[in-house]
PDB file of all heavy atoms in Angstrom:
ATOM      1  N   LYS A   1      -8.843  12.788 -22.013  1.00  0.00           N
ATOM      2  CA  LYS A   1      -8.559  11.327 -21.964  1.00  0.00           C
ATOM      3  C   LYS A   1      -7.299  11.041 -21.137  1.00  0.00           C
ATOM      4  O   LYS A   1      -7.298  10.142 -20.333  1.00  0.00           O
ATOM      5  CB  LYS A   1      -8.485  10.811 -23.421  1.00  0.00           C
ATOM      6  CG  LYS A   1      -9.715  10.794 -24.196  1.00  0.00           C
ATOM      7  CD  LYS A   1      -9.575  10.415 -25.541  1.00  0.00           C
ATOM      8  CE  LYS A   1     -10.094  11.564 -26.374  1.00  0.00           C
ATOM      9  NZ  LYS A   1      -9.808  11.558 -27.642  1.00  0.00           N
ATOM     10  N   TRP A   2      -6.173  11.641 -21.499  1.00  0.00           N
ATOM     11  CA  TRP A   2      -4.908  11.371 -20.844  1.00  0.00           C
ATOM     12  C   TRP A   2      -4.944  11.803 -19.434  1.00  0.00           C
ATOM     13  O   TRP A   2      -4.328  11.114 -18.557  1.00  0.00           O
ATOM     14  CB  TRP A   2      -3.756  11.982 -21.615  1.00  0.00           C
ATOM     15  CG  TRP A   2      -3.468  11.193 -22.863  1.00  0.00           C
ATOM     16  CD1 TRP A   2      -3.753  11.420 -24.189  1.00  0.00           C
ATOM     17  CD2 TRP A   2      -2.737   9.893 -22.882  1.00  0.00           C
ATOM     18  NE1 TRP A   2      -3.342  10.496 -24.973  1.00  0.00           N
ATOM     19  CE2 TRP A   2      -2.718   9.493 -24.271  1.00  0.00           C
ATOM     20  CE3 TRP A   2      -2.263   9.036 -21.881  1.00  0.00           C
ATOM     21  CZ2 TRP A   2      -2.147   8.327 -24.639  1.00  0.00           C
ATOM     22  CZ3 TRP A   2      -1.697   7.854 -22.247  1.00  0.00           C
ATOM     23  CH2 TRP A   2      -1.610   7.471 -23.615  1.00  0.00           C
ATOM     24  N   GLY A   3      -5.565  12.924 -19.146  1.00  0.00           N
ATOM     25  CA  GLY A   3      -5.678  13.360 -17.767  1.00  0.00           C
ATOM     26  C   GLY A   3      -6.401  12.398 -16.852  1.00  0.00           C
ATOM     27  O   GLY A   3      -5.840  12.180 -15.703  1.00  0.00           O
ATOM     28  N   TYR A   4      -7.487  11.833 -17.330  1.00  0.00           N
ATOM     29  CA  TYR A   4      -8.146  10.865 -16.447  1.00  0.00           C
ATOM     30  C   TYR A   4      -7.491   9.547 -16.447  1.00  0.00           C
ATOM     31  O   TYR A   4      -7.549   8.753 -15.505  1.00  0.00           O
ATOM     32  CB  TYR A   4      -9.587  10.699 -16.826  1.00  0.00           C
ATOM     33  CG  TYR A   4     -10.365  11.892 -16.358  1.00  0.00           C
ATOM     34  CD1 TYR A   4     -10.712  12.923 -17.275  1.00  0.00           C
ATOM     35  CD2 TYR A   4     -10.753  12.041 -15.051  1.00  0.00           C
ATOM     36  CE1 TYR A   4     -11.480  14.019 -16.752  1.00  0.00           C
ATOM     37  CE2 TYR A   4     -11.443  13.106 -14.590  1.00  0.00           C
ATOM     38  CZ  TYR A   4     -11.784  14.143 -15.441  1.00  0.00           C
ATOM     39  OH  TYR A   4     -12.478  15.135 -15.029  1.00  0.00           O
ATOM     40  N   ALA A   5      -6.657   9.143 -17.429  1.00  0.00           N
ATOM     41  CA  ALA A   5      -5.926   7.883 -17.450  1.00  0.00           C
ATOM     42  C   ALA A   5      -4.816   8.037 -16.330  1.00  0.00           C
ATOM     43  O   ALA A   5      -4.558   7.137 -15.614  1.00  0.00           O
ATOM     44  CB  ALA A   5      -5.307   7.662 -18.823  1.00  0.00           C
ATOM     45  N   ILE A   6      -4.188   9.144 -16.389  1.00  0.00           N
ATOM     46  CA  ILE A   6      -3.011   9.440 -15.327  1.00  0.00           C
ATOM     47  C   ILE A   6      -3.766   9.454 -13.984  1.00  0.00           C
ATOM     48  O   ILE A   6      -3.179   9.055 -12.987  1.00  0.00           O
ATOM     49  CB  ILE A   6      -2.317  10.708 -15.664  1.00  0.00           C
ATOM     50  CG1 ILE A   6      -1.505  10.446 -16.985  1.00  0.00           C
ATOM     51  CG2 ILE A   6      -1.384  11.041 -14.589  1.00  0.00           C
ATOM     52  CD1 ILE A   6      -0.921  11.570 -17.524  1.00  0.00           C
ATOM     53  N   ALA A   7      -4.932  10.115 -13.853  1.00  0.00           N
ATOM     54  CA  ALA A   7      -5.714  10.176 -12.567  1.00  0.00           C
ATOM     55  C   ALA A   7      -5.892   8.789 -12.030  1.00  0.00           C
ATOM     56  O   ALA A   7      -5.797   8.584 -10.792  1.00  0.00           O
ATOM     57  CB  ALA A   7      -6.859  11.012 -12.675  1.00  0.00           C
ATOM     58  N   GLY A   8      -6.362   7.927 -12.944  1.00  0.00           N
ATOM     59  CA  GLY A   8      -6.660   6.508 -12.502  1.00  0.00           C
ATOM     60  C   GLY A   8      -5.403   5.827 -11.908  1.00  0.00           C
ATOM     61  O   GLY A   8      -5.571   5.164 -10.841  1.00  0.00           O
ATOM     62  N   ILE A   9      -4.327   5.998 -12.582  1.00  0.00           N
ATOM     63  CA  ILE A   9      -3.103   5.398 -12.154  1.00  0.00           C
ATOM     64  C   ILE A   9      -2.650   5.972 -10.784  1.00  0.00           C
ATOM     65  O   ILE A   9      -2.243   5.305  -9.876  1.00  0.00           O
ATOM     66  CB  ILE A   9      -2.040   5.443 -13.187  1.00  0.00           C
ATOM     67  CG1 ILE A   9      -2.423   4.602 -14.402  1.00  0.00           C
ATOM     68  CG2 ILE A   9      -0.649   5.073 -12.662  1.00  0.00           C
ATOM     69  CD1 ILE A   9      -1.576   4.733 -15.698  1.00  0.00           C
ATOM     70  N   THR A  10      -2.795   7.287 -10.652  1.00  0.00           N
ATOM     71  CA  THR A  10      -2.450   7.928  -9.422  1.00  0.00           C
ATOM     72  C   THR A  10      -3.350   7.492  -8.327  1.00  0.00           C
ATOM     73  O   THR A  10      -2.855   7.310  -7.160  1.00  0.00           O
ATOM     74  CB  THR A  10      -2.617   9.509  -9.646  1.00  0.00           C
ATOM     75  OG1 THR A  10      -1.775   9.919 -10.834  1.00  0.00           O
ATOM     76  CG2 THR A  10      -2.119  10.237  -8.423  1.00  0.00           C
ATOM     77  N   VAL A  11      -4.657   7.346  -8.551  1.00  0.00           N
ATOM     78  CA  VAL A  11      -5.529   6.762  -7.493  1.00  0.00           C
ATOM     79  C   VAL A  11      -5.113   5.345  -6.993  1.00  0.00           C
ATOM     80  O   VAL A  11      -5.178   5.088  -5.920  1.00  0.00           O
ATOM     81  CB  VAL A  11      -6.921   6.911  -7.935  1.00  0.00           C
ATOM     82  CG1 VAL A  11      -7.842   6.166  -6.951  1.00  0.00           C
ATOM     83  CG2 VAL A  11      -7.353   8.371  -8.028  1.00  0.00           C
ATOM     84  N   TYR A  12      -4.712   4.563  -7.975  1.00  0.00           N
ATOM     85  CA  TYR A  12      -4.230   3.267  -7.714  1.00  0.00           C
ATOM     86  C   TYR A  12      -3.140   3.263  -6.778  1.00  0.00           C
ATOM     87  O   TYR A  12      -3.052   2.579  -5.699  1.00  0.00           O
ATOM     88  CB  TYR A  12      -3.867   2.495  -8.982  1.00  0.00           C
ATOM     89  CG  TYR A  12      -3.104   1.210  -8.679  1.00  0.00           C
ATOM     90  CD1 TYR A  12      -3.845   0.075  -8.306  1.00  0.00           C
ATOM     91  CD2 TYR A  12      -1.770   1.195  -8.779  1.00  0.00           C
ATOM     92  CE1 TYR A  12      -3.201  -1.125  -8.028  1.00  0.00           C
ATOM     93  CE2 TYR A  12      -1.024  -0.075  -8.445  1.00  0.00           C
ATOM     94  CZ  TYR A  12      -1.835  -1.168  -8.088  1.00  0.00           C
ATOM     95  OH  TYR A  12      -1.139  -2.305  -7.807  1.00  0.00           O
ATOM     96  N   TYR A  13      -2.057   4.031  -7.030  1.00  0.00           N
ATOM     97  CA  TYR A  13      -0.954   4.154  -6.224  1.00  0.00           C
ATOM     98  C   TYR A  13      -1.241   4.869  -4.816  1.00  0.00           C
ATOM     99  O   TYR A  13      -0.905   4.366  -3.749  1.00  0.00           O
ATOM    100  CB  TYR A  13       0.217   5.054  -6.803  1.00  0.00           C
ATOM    101  CG  TYR A  13       1.053   4.185  -7.715  1.00  0.00           C
ATOM    102  CD1 TYR A  13       1.057   4.564  -9.157  1.00  0.00           C
ATOM    103  CD2 TYR A  13       1.751   3.074  -7.325  1.00  0.00           C
ATOM    104  CE1 TYR A  13       1.852   3.845  -9.923  1.00  0.00           C
ATOM    105  CE2 TYR A  13       2.507   2.267  -8.111  1.00  0.00           C
ATOM    106  CZ  TYR A  13       2.511   2.669  -9.510  1.00  0.00           C
ATOM    107  OH  TYR A  13       3.297   1.932 -10.430  1.00  0.00           O
ATOM    108  N   PHE A  14      -2.114   5.884  -4.729  1.00  0.00           N
ATOM    109  CA  PHE A  14      -2.549   6.400  -3.604  1.00  0.00           C
ATOM    110  C   PHE A  14      -3.299   5.426  -2.609  1.00  0.00           C
ATOM    111  O   PHE A  14      -3.034   5.395  -1.528  1.00  0.00           O
ATOM    112  CB  PHE A  14      -3.560   7.601  -3.905  1.00  0.00           C
ATOM    113  CG  PHE A  14      -4.027   8.354  -2.588  1.00  0.00           C
ATOM    114  CD1 PHE A  14      -3.228   9.228  -1.992  1.00  0.00           C
ATOM    115  CD2 PHE A  14      -5.287   8.055  -2.199  1.00  0.00           C
ATOM    116  CE1 PHE A  14      -3.684   9.774  -0.772  1.00  0.00           C
ATOM    117  CE2 PHE A  14      -5.776   8.653  -1.070  1.00  0.00           C
ATOM    118  CZ  PHE A  14      -5.056   9.544  -0.336  1.00  0.00           C
ATOM    119  N   GLY A  15      -4.242   4.665  -3.261  1.00  0.00           N
ATOM    120  CA  GLY A  15      -4.973   3.665  -2.362  1.00  0.00           C
ATOM    121  C   GLY A  15      -4.004   2.634  -1.908  1.00  0.00           C
ATOM    122  O   GLY A  15      -4.146   2.204  -0.811  1.00  0.00           O
ATOM    123  N   ALA A  16      -3.132   2.057  -2.813  1.00  0.00           N
ATOM    124  CA  ALA A  16      -2.254   1.019  -2.392  1.00  0.00           C
ATOM    125  C   ALA A  16      -1.396   1.525  -1.235  1.00  0.00           C
ATOM    126  O   ALA A  16      -1.175   0.777  -0.285  1.00  0.00           O
ATOM    127  CB  ALA A  16      -1.471   0.536  -3.603  1.00  0.00           C
ATOM    128  N   ILE A  17      -0.817   2.725  -1.436  1.00  0.00           N
ATOM    129  CA  ILE A  17       0.034   3.111  -0.447  1.00  0.00           C
ATOM    130  C   ILE A  17      -0.575   3.588   0.865  1.00  0.00           C
ATOM    131  O   ILE A  17      -0.178   3.111   1.916  1.00  0.00           O
ATOM    132  CB  ILE A  17       0.950   4.292  -0.970  1.00  0.00           C
ATOM    133  CG1 ILE A  17       1.912   3.653  -2.122  1.00  0.00           C
ATOM    134  CG2 ILE A  17       1.866   4.890   0.100  1.00  0.00           C
ATOM    135  CD1 ILE A  17       2.695   4.798  -2.935  1.00  0.00           C
ATOM    136  N   CYS A  18      -1.578   4.420   0.846  1.00  0.00           N
ATOM    137  CA  CYS A  18      -2.129   5.022   1.975  1.00  0.00           C
ATOM    138  C   CYS A  18      -3.017   3.997   2.827  1.00  0.00           C
ATOM    139  O   CYS A  18      -2.666   3.749   3.954  1.00  0.00           O
ATOM    140  CB  CYS A  18      -3.031   6.184   1.689  1.00  0.00           C
ATOM    141  SG  CYS A  18      -2.137   7.588   1.088  1.00  0.00           S
ATOM    142  N   ILE A  19      -3.886   3.366   2.064  1.00  0.00           N
ATOM    143  CA  ILE A  19      -4.686   2.430   2.845  1.00  0.00           C
ATOM    144  C   ILE A  19      -3.910   1.108   3.289  1.00  0.00           C
ATOM    145  O   ILE A  19      -4.038   0.689   4.376  1.00  0.00           O
ATOM    146  CB  ILE A  19      -5.953   1.934   2.033  1.00  0.00           C
ATOM    147  CG1 ILE A  19      -6.848   3.174   1.712  1.00  0.00           C
ATOM    148  CG2 ILE A  19      -6.694   0.844   2.668  1.00  0.00           C
ATOM    149  CD1 ILE A  19      -7.972   2.930   0.840  1.00  0.00           C
ATOM    150  N   GLY A  20      -3.079   0.708   2.384  1.00  0.00           N
ATOM    151  CA  GLY A  20      -2.229  -0.426   2.694  1.00  0.00           C
ATOM    152  C   GLY A  20      -1.286  -0.209   3.899  1.00  0.00           C
ATOM    153  O   GLY A  20      -1.124  -1.026   4.750  1.00  0.00           O
ATOM    154  N   MET A  21      -0.729   1.078   3.887  1.00  0.00           N
ATOM    155  CA  MET A  21       0.260   1.331   4.933  1.00  0.00           C
ATOM    156  C   MET A  21      -0.540   1.493   6.265  1.00  0.00           C
ATOM    157  O   MET A  21       0.095   1.187   7.290  1.00  0.00           O
ATOM    158  CB  MET A  21       1.063   2.645   4.558  1.00  0.00           C
ATOM    159  CG  MET A  21       1.988   2.401   3.516  1.00  0.00           C
ATOM    160  SD  MET A  21       2.987   0.863   3.688  1.00  0.00           S
ATOM    161  CE  MET A  21       4.162   1.338   4.948  1.00  0.00           C
ATOM    162  N   ILE A  22      -1.727   2.005   6.230  1.00  0.00           N
ATOM    163  CA  ILE A  22      -2.420   2.110   7.486  1.00  0.00           C
ATOM    164  C   ILE A  22      -2.730   0.741   8.043  1.00  0.00           C
ATOM    165  O   ILE A  22      -2.594   0.465   9.232  1.00  0.00           O
ATOM    166  CB  ILE A  22      -3.813   2.857   7.248  1.00  0.00           C
ATOM    167  CG1 ILE A  22      -3.472   4.391   6.978  1.00  0.00           C
ATOM    168  CG2 ILE A  22      -4.786   2.641   8.399  1.00  0.00           C
ATOM    169  CD1 ILE A  22      -4.712   5.104   6.551  1.00  0.00           C
ATOM    170  N   ILE A  23      -3.065  -0.281   7.263  1.00  0.00           N
ATOM    171  CA  ILE A  23      -3.303  -1.587   7.673  1.00  0.00           C
ATOM    172  C   ILE A  23      -2.081  -2.229   8.162  1.00  0.00           C
ATOM    173  O   ILE A  23      -2.053  -2.975   9.214  1.00  0.00           O
ATOM    174  CB  ILE A  23      -4.045  -2.457   6.632  1.00  0.00           C
ATOM    175  CG1 ILE A  23      -5.453  -1.888   6.442  1.00  0.00           C
ATOM    176  CG2 ILE A  23      -4.091  -3.881   6.931  1.00  0.00           C
ATOM    177  CD1 ILE A  23      -6.193  -2.533   5.261  1.00  0.00           C
ATOM    178  N   VAL A  24      -0.972  -2.051   7.449  1.00  0.00           N
ATOM    179  CA  VAL A  24       0.283  -2.587   7.883  1.00  0.00           C
ATOM    180  C   VAL A  24       0.702  -2.031   9.211  1.00  0.00           C
ATOM    181  O   VAL A  24       1.302  -2.701  10.016  1.00  0.00           O
ATOM    182  CB  VAL A  24       1.351  -2.372   6.753  1.00  0.00           C
ATOM    183  CG1 VAL A  24       2.824  -2.675   7.280  1.00  0.00           C
ATOM    184  CG2 VAL A  24       1.136  -3.183   5.545  1.00  0.00           C
ATOM    185  N   LEU A  25       0.517  -0.711   9.401  1.00  0.00           N
ATOM    186  CA  LEU A  25       0.930  -0.114  10.664  1.00  0.00           C
ATOM    187  C   LEU A  25       0.113  -0.670  11.809  1.00  0.00           C
ATOM    188  O   LEU A  25       0.630  -0.866  12.878  1.00  0.00           O
ATOM    189  CB  LEU A  25       0.849   1.433  10.538  1.00  0.00           C
ATOM    190  CG  LEU A  25       1.919   2.106   9.740  1.00  0.00           C
ATOM    191  CD1 LEU A  25       1.640   3.545   9.557  1.00  0.00           C
ATOM    192  CD2 LEU A  25       3.304   1.895  10.243  1.00  0.00           C
ATOM    193  N   ILE A  26      -1.220  -0.818  11.523  1.00  0.00           N
ATOM    194  CA  ILE A  26      -2.032  -1.354  12.570  1.00  0.00           C
ATOM    195  C   ILE A  26      -1.595  -2.826  12.988  1.00  0.00           C
ATOM    196  O   ILE A  26      -1.461  -3.170  14.147  1.00  0.00           O
ATOM    197  CB  ILE A  26      -3.557  -1.388  12.206  1.00  0.00           C
ATOM    198  CG1 ILE A  26      -4.052   0.065  12.071  1.00  0.00           C
ATOM    199  CG2 ILE A  26      -4.373  -2.290  13.127  1.00  0.00           C
ATOM    200  CD1 ILE A  26      -5.372   0.229  11.542  1.00  0.00           C
ATOM    201  N   LEU A  27      -1.268  -3.639  11.979  1.00  0.00           N
ATOM    202  CA  LEU A  27      -0.839  -5.098  12.169  1.00  0.00           C
ATOM    203  C   LEU A  27       0.552  -4.979  12.891  1.00  0.00           C
ATOM    204  O   LEU A  27       0.776  -5.801  13.735  1.00  0.00           O
ATOM    205  CB  LEU A  27      -0.677  -5.799  10.960  1.00  0.00           C
ATOM    206  CG  LEU A  27      -2.039  -6.152  10.270  1.00  0.00           C
ATOM    207  CD1 LEU A  27      -1.810  -6.684   8.961  1.00  0.00           C
ATOM    208  CD2 LEU A  27      -2.977  -6.915  11.210  1.00  0.00           C
ATOM    209  N   GLU A  28       1.371  -4.029  12.545  1.00  0.00           N
ATOM    210  CA  GLU A  28       2.691  -3.953  13.180  1.00  0.00           C
ATOM    211  C   GLU A  28       2.544  -3.480  14.611  1.00  0.00           C
ATOM    212  O   GLU A  28       3.245  -3.946  15.485  1.00  0.00           O
ATOM    213  CB  GLU A  28       3.550  -2.868  12.423  1.00  0.00           C
ATOM    214  CG  GLU A  28       4.901  -2.632  12.856  1.00  0.00           C
ATOM    215  CD  GLU A  28       5.935  -3.733  12.357  1.00  0.00           C
ATOM    216  OE1 GLU A  28       5.649  -4.240  11.291  1.00  0.00           O
ATOM    217  OE2 GLU A  28       6.896  -4.058  12.985  1.00  0.00           O
ATOM    218  N   TYR A  29       1.635  -2.523  14.831  1.00  0.00           N
ATOM    219  CA  TYR A  29       1.424  -2.090  16.208  1.00  0.00           C
ATOM    220  C   TYR A  29       1.016  -3.275  17.195  1.00  0.00           C
ATOM    221  O   TYR A  29       1.389  -3.332  18.339  1.00  0.00           O
ATOM    222  CB  TYR A  29       0.359  -0.925  16.212  1.00  0.00           C
ATOM    223  CG  TYR A  29      -0.035  -0.428  17.583  1.00  0.00           C
ATOM    224  CD1 TYR A  29       0.904   0.402  18.194  1.00  0.00           C
ATOM    225  CD2 TYR A  29      -1.137  -0.835  18.320  1.00  0.00           C
ATOM    226  CE1 TYR A  29       0.697   0.885  19.490  1.00  0.00           C
ATOM    227  CE2 TYR A  29      -1.373  -0.338  19.530  1.00  0.00           C
ATOM    228  CZ  TYR A  29      -0.576   0.605  20.156  1.00  0.00           C
ATOM    229  OH  TYR A  29      -0.835   0.980  21.447  1.00  0.00           O
ATOM    230  N   PHE A  30      -0.011  -4.100  16.784  1.00  0.00           N
ATOM    231  CA  PHE A  30      -0.350  -5.261  17.501  1.00  0.00           C
ATOM    232  C   PHE A  30       0.474  -6.447  17.395  1.00  0.00           C
ATOM    233  O   PHE A  30       0.225  -7.444  17.971  1.00  0.00           O
ATOM    234  CB  PHE A  30      -1.757  -5.590  17.157  1.00  0.00           C
ATOM    235  CG  PHE A  30      -2.813  -4.516  17.593  1.00  0.00           C
ATOM    236  CD1 PHE A  30      -3.476  -3.821  16.623  1.00  0.00           C
ATOM    237  CD2 PHE A  30      -3.061  -4.325  18.872  1.00  0.00           C
ATOM    238  CE1 PHE A  30      -4.445  -2.882  16.938  1.00  0.00           C
ATOM    239  CE2 PHE A  30      -4.102  -3.342  19.250  1.00  0.00           C
ATOM    240  CZ  PHE A  30      -4.643  -2.575  18.318  1.00  0.00           C
ATOM    241  N   GLU A  31       1.659  -6.289  16.829  1.00  0.00           N
ATOM    242  CA  GLU A  31       2.727  -7.293  16.577  1.00  0.00           C
ATOM    243  C   GLU A  31       2.180  -8.554  15.994  1.00  0.00           C
ATOM    244  O   GLU A  31       2.642  -9.624  16.350  1.00  0.00           O
ATOM    245  CB  GLU A  31       3.278  -7.581  17.923  1.00  0.00           C
ATOM    246  CG  GLU A  31       4.075  -6.400  18.621  1.00  0.00           C
ATOM    247  CD  GLU A  31       4.671  -6.682  19.949  1.00  0.00           C
ATOM    248  OE1 GLU A  31       4.586  -7.825  20.401  1.00  0.00           O
ATOM    249  OE2 GLU A  31       5.204  -5.725  20.546  1.00  0.00           O
ATOM    250  N   LEU A  32       1.207  -8.383  15.016  1.00  0.00           N
ATOM    251  CA  LEU A  32       0.782  -9.499  14.291  1.00  0.00           C
ATOM    252  C   LEU A  32       1.522  -9.698  12.946  1.00  0.00           C
ATOM    253  O   LEU A  32       1.374 -10.724  12.307  1.00  0.00           O
ATOM    254  CB  LEU A  32      -0.609  -9.274  14.020  1.00  0.00           C
ATOM    255  CG  LEU A  32      -1.715  -9.126  15.080  1.00  0.00           C
ATOM    256  CD1 LEU A  32      -3.089  -8.757  14.660  1.00  0.00           C
ATOM    257  CD2 LEU A  32      -1.743 -10.524  15.958  1.00  0.00           C
ATOM    258  N   PHE A  33       2.346  -8.730  12.675  1.00  0.00           N
ATOM    259  CA  PHE A  33       2.943  -8.683  11.286  1.00  0.00           C
ATOM    260  C   PHE A  33       4.250  -7.875  11.457  1.00  0.00           C
ATOM    261  O   PHE A  33       4.294  -6.850  12.083  1.00  0.00           O
ATOM    262  CB  PHE A  33       1.974  -7.946  10.401  1.00  0.00           C
ATOM    263  CG  PHE A  33       2.419  -7.840   9.003  1.00  0.00           C
ATOM    264  CD1 PHE A  33       2.286  -9.048   8.132  1.00  0.00           C
ATOM    265  CD2 PHE A  33       2.809  -6.679   8.407  1.00  0.00           C
ATOM    266  CE1 PHE A  33       2.648  -8.907   6.876  1.00  0.00           C
ATOM    267  CE2 PHE A  33       3.189  -6.587   7.050  1.00  0.00           C
ATOM    268  CZ  PHE A  33       3.053  -7.744   6.320  1.00  0.00           C
ATOM    269  N   ASN A  34       5.278  -8.336  10.799  1.00  0.00           N
ATOM    270  CA  ASN A  34       6.554  -7.657  10.811  1.00  0.00           C
ATOM    271  C   ASN A  34       6.955  -7.231   9.410  1.00  0.00           C
ATOM    272  O   ASN A  34       7.184  -8.163   8.575  1.00  0.00           O
ATOM    273  CB  ASN A  34       7.672  -8.541  11.437  1.00  0.00           C
ATOM    274  CG  ASN A  34       9.014  -7.768  11.590  1.00  0.00           C
ATOM    275  OD1 ASN A  34       9.090  -6.514  11.296  1.00  0.00           O
ATOM    276  ND2 ASN A  34       9.952  -8.474  12.161  1.00  0.00           N
ATOM    277  N   ILE A  35       6.914  -6.010   9.208  1.00  0.00           N
ATOM    278  CA  ILE A  35       7.151  -5.468   7.774  1.00  0.00           C
ATOM    279  C   ILE A  35       8.610  -5.789   7.236  1.00  0.00           C
ATOM    280  O   ILE A  35       8.754  -5.895   6.110  1.00  0.00           O
ATOM    281  CB  ILE A  35       6.817  -3.981   7.653  1.00  0.00           C
ATOM    282  CG1 ILE A  35       6.779  -3.498   6.213  1.00  0.00           C
ATOM    283  CG2 ILE A  35       7.869  -3.241   8.362  1.00  0.00           C
ATOM    284  CD1 ILE A  35       5.504  -4.024   5.550  1.00  0.00           C
ATOM    285  N   ASP A  36       9.471  -5.948   8.206  1.00  0.00           N
ATOM    286  CA  ASP A  36      10.869  -6.134   7.780  1.00  0.00           C
ATOM    287  C   ASP A  36      11.024  -7.552   7.193  1.00  0.00           C
ATOM    288  O   ASP A  36      12.014  -7.788   6.329  1.00  0.00           O
ATOM    289  CB  ASP A  36      11.806  -6.018   8.899  1.00  0.00           C
ATOM    290  CG  ASP A  36      11.869  -4.549   9.383  1.00  0.00           C
ATOM    291  OD1 ASP A  36      11.635  -3.697   8.587  1.00  0.00           O
ATOM    292  OD2 ASP A  36      12.125  -4.270  10.683  1.00  0.00           O
ATOM    293  N   SER A  37      10.235  -8.536   7.561  1.00  0.00           N
ATOM    294  CA  SER A  37      10.371  -9.872   7.062  1.00  0.00           C
ATOM    295  C   SER A  37       9.706 -10.222   5.844  1.00  0.00           C
ATOM    296  O   SER A  37       9.710 -11.341   5.385  1.00  0.00           O
ATOM    297  CB  SER A  37       9.994 -10.791   8.193  1.00  0.00           C
ATOM    298  OG  SER A  37       8.578 -10.762   8.450  1.00  0.00           O
ATOM    299  N   VAL A  38       9.033  -9.227   5.293  1.00  0.00           N
ATOM    300  CA  VAL A  38       8.213  -9.399   4.084  1.00  0.00           C
ATOM    301  C   VAL A  38       8.960  -9.096   2.753  1.00  0.00           C
ATOM    302  O   VAL A  38       9.592  -7.999   2.745  1.00  0.00           O
ATOM    303  CB  VAL A  38       6.853  -8.598   4.114  1.00  0.00           C
ATOM    304  CG1 VAL A  38       6.095  -8.829   2.870  1.00  0.00           C
ATOM    305  CG2 VAL A  38       6.077  -9.107   5.373  1.00  0.00           C
ATOM    306  N   ASN A  39       8.960  -9.974   1.776  1.00  0.00           N
ATOM    307  CA  ASN A  39       9.523  -9.709   0.473  1.00  0.00           C
ATOM    308  C   ASN A  39       8.764  -8.474  -0.198  1.00  0.00           C
ATOM    309  O   ASN A  39       7.634  -8.386  -0.058  1.00  0.00           O
ATOM    310  CB  ASN A  39       9.490 -10.987  -0.349  1.00  0.00           C
ATOM    311  CG  ASN A  39      10.196 -10.842  -1.624  1.00  0.00           C
ATOM    312  OD1 ASN A  39      10.755  -9.826  -1.952  1.00  0.00           O
ATOM    313  ND2 ASN A  39      10.240 -12.031  -2.330  1.00  0.00           N
ATOM    314  N   ASP A  40       9.427  -7.774  -1.041  1.00  0.00           N
ATOM    315  CA  ASP A  40       8.933  -6.533  -1.691  1.00  0.00           C
ATOM    316  C   ASP A  40       7.721  -7.056  -2.659  1.00  0.00           C
ATOM    317  O   ASP A  40       6.736  -6.358  -2.905  1.00  0.00           O
ATOM    318  CB  ASP A  40       9.942  -5.865  -2.491  1.00  0.00           C
ATOM    319  CG  ASP A  40      10.821  -5.076  -1.518  1.00  0.00           C
ATOM    320  OD1 ASP A  40      10.452  -4.845  -0.318  1.00  0.00           O
ATOM    321  OD2 ASP A  40      11.941  -4.680  -2.053  1.00  0.00           O
ATOM    322  N   THR A  41       8.012  -8.130  -3.382  1.00  0.00           N
ATOM    323  CA  THR A  41       6.918  -8.674  -4.204  1.00  0.00           C
ATOM    324  C   THR A  41       5.699  -9.054  -3.485  1.00  0.00           C
ATOM    325  O   THR A  41       4.648  -8.709  -3.985  1.00  0.00           O
ATOM    326  CB  THR A  41       7.529  -9.927  -4.952  1.00  0.00           C
ATOM    327  OG1 THR A  41       8.807  -9.522  -5.570  1.00  0.00           O
ATOM    328  CG2 THR A  41       6.545 -10.328  -6.048  1.00  0.00           C
ATOM    329  N   VAL A  42       5.855  -9.765  -2.382  1.00  0.00           N
ATOM    330  CA  VAL A  42       4.677 -10.093  -1.534  1.00  0.00           C
ATOM    331  C   VAL A  42       3.990  -8.910  -1.040  1.00  0.00           C
ATOM    332  O   VAL A  42       2.777  -8.736  -1.083  1.00  0.00           O
ATOM    333  CB  VAL A  42       5.089 -11.008  -0.433  1.00  0.00           C
ATOM    334  CG1 VAL A  42       3.881 -11.275   0.502  1.00  0.00           C
ATOM    335  CG2 VAL A  42       5.792 -12.277  -0.915  1.00  0.00           C
ATOM    336  N   LEU A  43       4.678  -7.867  -0.654  1.00  0.00           N
ATOM    337  CA  LEU A  43       4.130  -6.676  -0.191  1.00  0.00           C
ATOM    338  C   LEU A  43       3.333  -5.976  -1.309  1.00  0.00           C
ATOM    339  O   LEU A  43       2.239  -5.406  -1.069  1.00  0.00           O
ATOM    340  CB  LEU A  43       5.182  -5.625   0.388  1.00  0.00           C
ATOM    341  CG  LEU A  43       4.663  -4.511   1.132  1.00  0.00           C
ATOM    342  CD1 LEU A  43       3.817  -4.794   2.235  1.00  0.00           C
ATOM    343  CD2 LEU A  43       5.909  -3.572   1.511  1.00  0.00           C
ATOM    344  N   GLY A  44       3.882  -6.000  -2.446  1.00  0.00           N
ATOM    345  CA  GLY A  44       3.219  -5.363  -3.616  1.00  0.00           C
ATOM    346  C   GLY A  44       1.883  -6.111  -3.897  1.00  0.00           C
ATOM    347  O   GLY A  44       0.831  -5.479  -4.252  1.00  0.00           O
TER     348      GLY A  44
END
């Protein structure tokens, strides 16, 4: 039970960080988005 509860939370962070950062980097590359101007809450 606890192992899979922790695994679910880990997958949440992994998906948010990895997939989200890939999209943010693509938008940053095409200069559609500037990561420095975004509030941390909005980014979350």
